[in-house]
Amino acid sequence: MWANNGGHNRQPESWWIGHKGYIEGRVGLPNGGQRRVKQHRWVMELHLGRRLSPHDDVHHLNGVRTDNRIENLQL
């Protein structure tokens, strides 16, 4: 059923809950590639219009790790 087709069966974006309770996933890049991100960091990158550095911390104001509304996130 699952063929070794170089990842061509993957969705451009797919999300799951990781072992620490954050929503994680793969997102498509403009060059056709993919990268793995935590969704709250991805939402903040889209909001800011730039990629976050590894030293940028994104906090959930209400403490709920799956609540990734921009109004609940703080850089």
PDB file of N, CA and C in Angstrom:
ATOM      1  N   MET A   1       0.813  -1.194   0.000  1.00  0.00           N
ATOM      2  CA  MET A   1       0.000   0.000   0.000  1.00  0.00           C
ATOM      3  C   MET A   1       0.857   1.258   0.000  1.00  0.00           C
ATOM      4  N   TRP A   2       1.880   1.345   0.843  1.00  0.00           N
ATOM      5  CA  TRP A   2       2.754   2.512   0.874  1.00  0.00           C
ATOM      6  C   TRP A   2       3.985   2.235   0.023  1.00  0.00           C
ATOM      7  N   ALA A   3       4.140   3.002  -1.007  1.00  0.00           N
ATOM      8  CA  ALA A   3       5.275   2.823  -1.900  1.00  0.00           C
ATOM      9  C   ALA A   3       6.431   3.718  -1.471  1.00  0.00           C
ATOM     10  N   ASN A   4       7.630   3.269  -1.752  1.00  0.00           N
ATOM     11  CA  ASN A   4       8.806   4.099  -1.527  1.00  0.00           C
ATOM     12  C   ASN A   4       8.931   5.025  -2.735  1.00  0.00           C
ATOM     13  N   ASN A   5       8.241   6.159  -2.664  1.00  0.00           N
ATOM     14  CA  ASN A   5       8.198   7.061  -3.810  1.00  0.00           C
ATOM     15  C   ASN A   5       8.849   8.404  -3.528  1.00  0.00           C
ATOM     16  N   GLY A   6       9.774   8.438  -2.621  1.00  0.00           N
ATOM     17  CA  GLY A   6      10.503   9.668  -2.356  1.00  0.00           C
ATOM     18  C   GLY A   6       9.680  10.744  -1.662  1.00  0.00           C
ATOM     19  N   GLY A   7       8.636  10.375  -0.971  1.00  0.00           N
ATOM     20  CA  GLY A   7       7.823  11.337  -0.239  1.00  0.00           C
ATOM     21  C   GLY A   7       6.747  12.009  -1.059  1.00  0.00           C
ATOM     22  N   HIS A   8       6.493  11.532  -2.272  1.00  0.00           N
ATOM     23  CA  HIS A   8       5.492  12.166  -3.122  1.00  0.00           C
ATOM     24  C   HIS A   8       4.069  11.967  -2.615  1.00  0.00           C
ATOM     25  N   ASN A   9       3.870  11.086  -1.651  1.00  0.00           N
ATOM     26  CA  ASN A   9       2.539  10.885  -1.086  1.00  0.00           C
ATOM     27  C   ASN A   9       2.287  11.795   0.116  1.00  0.00           C
ATOM     28  N   ARG A  10       3.235  12.665   0.462  1.00  0.00           N
ATOM     29  CA  ARG A  10       3.077  13.554   1.608  1.00  0.00           C
ATOM     30  C   ARG A  10       2.257  14.778   1.236  1.00  0.00           C
ATOM     31  N   GLN A  11       1.464  15.227   2.188  1.00  0.00           N
ATOM     32  CA  GLN A  11       0.712  16.459   2.033  1.00  0.00           C
ATOM     33  C   GLN A  11       1.681  17.637   2.174  1.00  0.00           C
ATOM     34  N   PRO A  12       1.407  18.787   1.516  1.00  0.00           N
ATOM     35  CA  PRO A  12       2.264  19.963   1.702  1.00  0.00           C
ATOM     36  C   PRO A  12       2.335  20.390   3.165  1.00  0.00           C
ATOM     37  N   GLU A  13       1.206  20.286   3.873  1.00  0.00           N
ATOM     38  CA  GLU A  13       1.194  20.570   5.303  1.00  0.00           C
ATOM     39  C   GLU A  13       0.497  19.411   6.007  1.00  0.00           C
ATOM     40  N   SER A  14       1.085  18.947   7.068  1.00  0.00           N
ATOM     41  CA  SER A  14       0.438  17.935   7.902  1.00  0.00           C
ATOM     42  C   SER A  14       0.847  18.220   9.342  1.00  0.00           C
ATOM     43  N   TRP A  15      -0.088  18.042  10.274  1.00  0.00           N
ATOM     44  CA  TRP A  15       0.119  18.415  11.667  1.00  0.00           C
ATOM     45  C   TRP A  15      -0.206  17.249  12.590  1.00  0.00           C
ATOM     46  N   TRP A  16       0.468  17.196  13.734  1.00  0.00           N
ATOM     47  CA  TRP A  16       0.219  16.202  14.770  1.00  0.00           C
ATOM     48  C   TRP A  16       0.623  16.807  16.108  1.00  0.00           C
ATOM     49  N   ILE A  17       0.225  16.180  17.197  1.00  0.00           N
ATOM     50  CA  ILE A  17       0.622  16.635  18.530  1.00  0.00           C
ATOM     51  C   ILE A  17       1.840  15.827  18.951  1.00  0.00           C
ATOM     52  N   GLY A  18       2.921  16.534  19.244  1.00  0.00           N
ATOM     53  CA  GLY A  18       4.175  15.904  19.640  1.00  0.00           C
ATOM     54  C   GLY A  18       4.145  15.436  21.091  1.00  0.00           C
ATOM     55  N   HIS A  19       5.201  14.775  21.500  1.00  0.00           N
ATOM     56  CA  HIS A  19       5.243  14.175  22.835  1.00  0.00           C
ATOM     57  C   HIS A  19       5.261  15.209  23.966  1.00  0.00           C
ATOM     58  N   LYS A  20       5.601  16.473  23.679  1.00  0.00           N
ATOM     59  CA  LYS A  20       5.581  17.521  24.708  1.00  0.00           C
ATOM     60  C   LYS A  20       4.289  18.332  24.681  1.00  0.00           C
ATOM     61  N   GLY A  21       3.345  17.957  23.820  1.00  0.00           N
ATOM     62  CA  GLY A  21       2.045  18.607  23.802  1.00  0.00           C
ATOM     63  C   GLY A  21       1.895  19.746  22.815  1.00  0.00           C
ATOM     64  N   TYR A  22       2.946  20.065  22.054  1.00  0.00           N
ATOM     65  CA  TYR A  22       2.869  21.108  21.039  1.00  0.00           C
ATOM     66  C   TYR A  22       2.398  20.510  19.713  1.00  0.00           C
ATOM     67  N   ILE A  23       1.676  21.310  18.930  1.00  0.00           N
ATOM     68  CA  ILE A  23       1.315  20.882  17.584  1.00  0.00           C
ATOM     69  C   ILE A  23       2.553  21.070  16.714  1.00  0.00           C
ATOM     70  N   GLU A  24       2.983  19.995  16.055  1.00  0.00           N
ATOM     71  CA  GLU A  24       4.157  20.011  15.191  1.00  0.00           C
ATOM     72  C   GLU A  24       3.751  19.554  13.806  1.00  0.00           C
ATOM     73  N   GLY A  25       4.565  19.868  12.825  1.00  0.00           N
ATOM     74  CA  GLY A  25       4.232  19.410  11.492  1.00  0.00           C
ATOM     75  C   GLY A  25       5.264  19.755  10.448  1.00  0.00           C
ATOM     76  N   ARG A  26       4.901  19.427   9.218  1.00  0.00           N
ATOM     77  CA  ARG A  26       5.720  19.747   8.048  1.00  0.00           C
ATOM     78  C   ARG A  26       4.988  20.818   7.257  1.00  0.00           C
ATOM     79  N   VAL A  27       5.734  21.817   6.815  1.00  0.00           N
ATOM     80  CA  VAL A  27       5.156  22.873   5.987  1.00  0.00           C
ATOM     81  C   VAL A  27       5.927  22.966   4.686  1.00  0.00           C
ATOM     82  N   GLY A  28       5.208  23.287   3.632  1.00  0.00           N
ATOM     83  CA  GLY A  28       5.831  23.442   2.327  1.00  0.00           C
ATOM     84  C   GLY A  28       6.571  24.759   2.221  1.00  0.00           C
ATOM     85  N   LEU A  29       7.660  24.749   1.492  1.00  0.00           N
ATOM     86  CA  LEU A  29       8.470  25.937   1.256  1.00  0.00           C
ATOM     87  C   LEU A  29       8.303  26.402  -0.185  1.00  0.00           C
ATOM     88  N   PRO A  30       8.576  27.676  -0.464  1.00  0.00           N
ATOM     89  CA  PRO A  30       8.426  28.182  -1.831  1.00  0.00           C
ATOM     90  C   PRO A  30       9.258  27.430  -2.870  1.00  0.00           C
ATOM     91  N   ASN A  31      10.391  26.863  -2.448  1.00  0.00           N
ATOM     92  CA  ASN A  31      11.259  26.151  -3.396  1.00  0.00           C
ATOM     93  C   ASN A  31      10.802  24.713  -3.646  1.00  0.00           C
ATOM     94  N   GLY A  32       9.655  24.342  -3.057  1.00  0.00           N
ATOM     95  CA  GLY A  32       9.133  22.990  -3.236  1.00  0.00           C
ATOM     96  C   GLY A  32       9.541  22.022  -2.149  1.00  0.00           C
ATOM     97  N   GLY A  33      10.448  22.426  -1.290  1.00  0.00           N
ATOM     98  CA  GLY A  33      10.876  21.564  -0.191  1.00  0.00           C
ATOM     99  C   GLY A  33       9.924  21.643   0.982  1.00  0.00           C
ATOM    100  N   GLN A  34      10.304  21.017   2.061  1.00  0.00           N
ATOM    101  CA  GLN A  34       9.520  21.025   3.290  1.00  0.00           C
ATOM    102  C   GLN A  34      10.448  21.230   4.461  1.00  0.00           C
ATOM    103  N   ARG A  35       9.883  21.729   5.561  1.00  0.00           N
ATOM    104  CA  ARG A  35      10.632  21.749   6.812  1.00  0.00           C
ATOM    105  C   ARG A  35       9.688  21.444   7.954  1.00  0.00           C
ATOM    106  N   ARG A  36      10.240  20.934   9.023  1.00  0.00           N
ATOM    107  CA  ARG A  36       9.448  20.562  10.190  1.00  0.00           C
ATOM    108  C   ARG A  36       9.471  21.726  11.177  1.00  0.00           C
ATOM    109  N   VAL A  37       8.305  22.089  11.711  1.00  0.00           N
ATOM    110  CA  VAL A  37       8.192  23.221  12.632  1.00  0.00           C
ATOM    111  C   VAL A  37       7.162  22.923  13.710  1.00  0.00           C
ATOM    112  N   LYS A  38       7.244  23.668  14.789  1.00  0.00           N
ATOM    113  CA  LYS A  38       6.156  23.692  15.758  1.00  0.00           C
ATOM    114  C   LYS A  38       5.178  24.755  15.274  1.00  0.00           C
ATOM    115  N   GLN A  39       3.888  24.454  15.362  1.00  0.00           N
ATOM    116  CA  GLN A  39       2.883  25.314  14.748  1.00  0.00           C
ATOM    117  C   GLN A  39       2.878  26.721  15.339  1.00  0.00           C
ATOM    118  N   HIS A  40       3.111  26.877  16.648  1.00  0.00           N
ATOM    119  CA  HIS A  40       3.096  28.216  17.226  1.00  0.00           C
ATOM    120  C   HIS A  40       4.230  29.069  16.669  1.00  0.00           C
ATOM    121  N   ARG A  41       5.357  28.477  16.367  1.00  0.00           N
ATOM    122  CA  ARG A  41       6.463  29.231  15.754  1.00  0.00           C
ATOM    123  C   ARG A  41       6.126  29.579  14.304  1.00  0.00           C
ATOM    124  N   TRP A  42       5.491  28.662  13.591  1.00  0.00           N
ATOM    125  CA  TRP A  42       5.091  28.897  12.207  1.00  0.00           C
ATOM    126  C   TRP A  42       4.075  30.043  12.125  1.00  0.00           C
ATOM    127  N   VAL A  43       3.091  30.038  13.043  1.00  0.00           N
ATOM    128  CA  VAL A  43       2.083  31.108  13.073  1.00  0.00           C
ATOM    129  C   VAL A  43       2.758  32.453  13.323  1.00  0.00           C
ATOM    130  N   MET A  44       3.724  32.492  14.246  1.00  0.00           N
ATOM    131  CA  MET A  44       4.430  33.747  14.535  1.00  0.00           C
ATOM    132  C   MET A  44       5.268  34.189  13.331  1.00  0.00           C
ATOM    133  N   GLU A  45       5.907  33.252  12.632  1.00  0.00           N
ATOM    134  CA  GLU A  45       6.676  33.601  11.425  1.00  0.00           C
ATOM    135  C   GLU A  45       5.769  34.214  10.364  1.00  0.00           C
ATOM    136  N   LEU A  46       4.599  33.625  10.161  1.00  0.00           N
ATOM    137  CA  LEU A  46       3.662  34.171   9.179  1.00  0.00           C
ATOM    138  C   LEU A  46       3.190  35.555   9.597  1.00  0.00           C
ATOM    139  N   HIS A  47       2.949  35.754  10.881  1.00  0.00           N
ATOM    140  CA  HIS A  47       2.498  37.051  11.394  1.00  0.00           C
ATOM    141  C   HIS A  47       3.576  38.126  11.212  1.00  0.00           C
ATOM    142  N   LEU A  48       4.830  37.776  11.515  1.00  0.00           N
ATOM    143  CA  LEU A  48       5.925  38.742  11.418  1.00  0.00           C
ATOM    144  C   LEU A  48       6.429  38.929   9.986  1.00  0.00           C
ATOM    145  N   GLY A  49       6.184  37.939   9.140  1.00  0.00           N
ATOM    146  CA  GLY A  49       6.679  38.012   7.772  1.00  0.00           C
ATOM    147  C   GLY A  49       8.151  37.694   7.648  1.00  0.00           C
ATOM    148  N   ARG A  50       8.690  36.979   8.622  1.00  0.00           N
ATOM    149  CA  ARG A  50      10.107  36.581   8.586  1.00  0.00           C
ATOM    150  C   ARG A  50      10.274  35.275   9.339  1.00  0.00           C
ATOM    151  N   ARG A  51      11.377  34.621   9.061  1.00  0.00           N
ATOM    152  CA  ARG A  51      11.689  33.379   9.763  1.00  0.00           C
ATOM    153  C   ARG A  51      12.259  33.704  11.142  1.00  0.00           C
ATOM    154  N   LEU A  52      11.881  32.942  12.148  1.00  0.00           N
ATOM    155  CA  LEU A  52      12.397  33.146  13.493  1.00  0.00           C
ATOM    156  C   LEU A  52      13.800  32.572  13.615  1.00  0.00           C
ATOM    157  N   SER A  53      14.616  33.204  14.443  1.00  0.00           N
ATOM    158  CA  SER A  53      15.931  32.646  14.727  1.00  0.00           C
ATOM    159  C   SER A  53      15.778  31.582  15.810  1.00  0.00           C
ATOM    160  N   PRO A  54      16.754  30.707  15.965  1.00  0.00           N
ATOM    161  CA  PRO A  54      16.668  29.682  17.022  1.00  0.00           C
ATOM    162  C   PRO A  54      16.583  30.286  18.422  1.00  0.00           C
ATOM    163  N   HIS A  55      17.017  31.551  18.595  1.00  0.00           N
ATOM    164  CA  HIS A  55      16.993  32.197  19.911  1.00  0.00           C
ATOM    165  C   HIS A  55      15.664  32.888  20.200  1.00  0.00           C
ATOM    166  N   ASP A  56      14.786  33.015  19.198  1.00  0.00           N
ATOM    167  CA  ASP A  56      13.469  33.606  19.412  1.00  0.00           C
ATOM    168  C   ASP A  56      12.571  32.607  20.135  1.00  0.00           C
ATOM    169  N   ASP A  57      11.972  33.050  21.240  1.00  0.00           N
ATOM    170  CA  ASP A  57      11.036  32.213  21.997  1.00  0.00           C
ATOM    171  C   ASP A  57       9.623  32.720  21.755  1.00  0.00           C
ATOM    172  N   VAL A  58       8.707  31.799  21.504  1.00  0.00           N
ATOM    173  CA  VAL A  58       7.297  32.131  21.348  1.00  0.00           C
ATOM    174  C   VAL A  58       6.563  31.485  22.515  1.00  0.00           C
ATOM    175  N   HIS A  59       5.859  32.320  23.303  1.00  0.00           N
ATOM    176  CA  HIS A  59       5.171  31.846  24.490  1.00  0.00           C
ATOM    177  C   HIS A  59       3.660  31.844  24.274  1.00  0.00           C
ATOM    178  N   HIS A  60       3.000  30.853  24.866  1.00  0.00           N
ATOM    179  CA  HIS A  60       1.538  30.795  24.887  1.00  0.00           C
ATOM    180  C   HIS A  60       1.078  31.544  26.144  1.00  0.00           C
ATOM    181  N   LEU A  61       0.374  32.651  25.965  1.00  0.00           N
ATOM    182  CA  LEU A  61      -0.020  33.486  27.103  1.00  0.00           C
ATOM    183  C   LEU A  61      -0.926  32.753  28.076  1.00  0.00           C
ATOM    184  N   ASN A  62      -1.833  31.919  27.583  1.00  0.00           N
ATOM    185  CA  ASN A  62      -2.753  31.205  28.472  1.00  0.00           C
ATOM    186  C   ASN A  62      -2.210  29.838  28.914  1.00  0.00           C
ATOM    187  N   GLY A  63      -1.008  29.479  28.466  1.00  0.00           N
ATOM    188  CA  GLY A  63      -0.389  28.224  28.883  1.00  0.00           C
ATOM    189  C   GLY A  63      -0.869  26.990  28.153  1.00  0.00           C
ATOM    190  N   VAL A  64      -1.806  27.146  27.228  1.00  0.00           N
ATOM    191  CA  VAL A  64      -2.340  26.003  26.488  1.00  0.00           C
ATOM    192  C   VAL A  64      -1.506  25.823  25.218  1.00  0.00           C
ATOM    193  N   ARG A  65      -0.743  24.760  25.152  1.00  0.00           N
ATOM    194  CA  ARG A  65       0.219  24.551  24.071  1.00  0.00           C
ATOM    195  C   ARG A  65      -0.411  24.322  22.702  1.00  0.00           C
ATOM    196  N   THR A  66      -1.691  24.010  22.672  1.00  0.00           N
ATOM    197  CA  THR A  66      -2.352  23.794  21.384  1.00  0.00           C
ATOM    198  C   THR A  66      -3.181  24.997  20.944  1.00  0.00           C
ATOM    199  N   ASP A  67      -3.189  26.075  21.718  1.00  0.00           N
ATOM    200  CA  ASP A  67      -3.932  27.292  21.375  1.00  0.00           C
ATOM    201  C   ASP A  67      -2.980  28.245  20.648  1.00  0.00           C
ATOM    202  N   ASN A  68      -2.947  28.126  19.321  1.00  0.00           N
ATOM    203  CA  ASN A  68      -1.978  28.871  18.527  1.00  0.00           C
ATOM    204  C   ASN A  68      -2.576  30.079  17.816  1.00  0.00           C
ATOM    205  N   ARG A  69      -3.632  30.657  18.398  1.00  0.00           N
ATOM    206  CA  ARG A  69      -4.150  31.915  17.862  1.00  0.00           C
ATOM    207  C   ARG A  69      -3.098  33.001  18.090  1.00  0.00           C
ATOM    208  N   ILE A  70      -2.929  33.891  17.129  1.00  0.00           N
ATOM    209  CA  ILE A  70      -1.873  34.911  17.229  1.00  0.00           C
ATOM    210  C   ILE A  70      -2.063  35.774  18.480  1.00  0.00           C
ATOM    211  N   GLU A  71      -3.307  36.016  18.887  1.00  0.00           N
ATOM    212  CA  GLU A  71      -3.536  36.839  20.083  1.00  0.00           C
ATOM    213  C   GLU A  71      -3.132  36.116  21.366  1.00  0.00           C
ATOM    214  N   ASN A  72      -2.874  34.820  21.287  1.00  0.00           N
ATOM    215  CA  ASN A  72      -2.416  34.052  22.449  1.00  0.00           C
ATOM    216  C   ASN A  72      -0.891  33.843  22.437  1.00  0.00           C
ATOM    217  N   LEU A  73      -0.225  34.347  21.409  1.00  0.00           N
ATOM    218  CA  LEU A  73       1.223  34.126  21.289  1.00  0.00           C
ATOM    219  C   LEU A  73       1.993  35.418  21.542  1.00  0.00           C
ATOM    220  N   GLN A  74       3.148  35.268  22.190  1.00  0.00           N
ATOM    221  CA  GLN A  74       4.019  36.410  22.453  1.00  0.00           C
ATOM    222  C   GLN A  74       5.451  36.035  22.140  1.00  0.00           C
ATOM    223  N   LEU A  75       6.123  36.896  21.385  1.00  0.00           N
ATOM    224  CA  LEU A  75       7.530  36.665  21.036  1.00  0.00           C
ATOM    225  C   LEU A  75       8.422  37.125  22.165  1.00  0.00           C
TER     226      LEU A  75
END
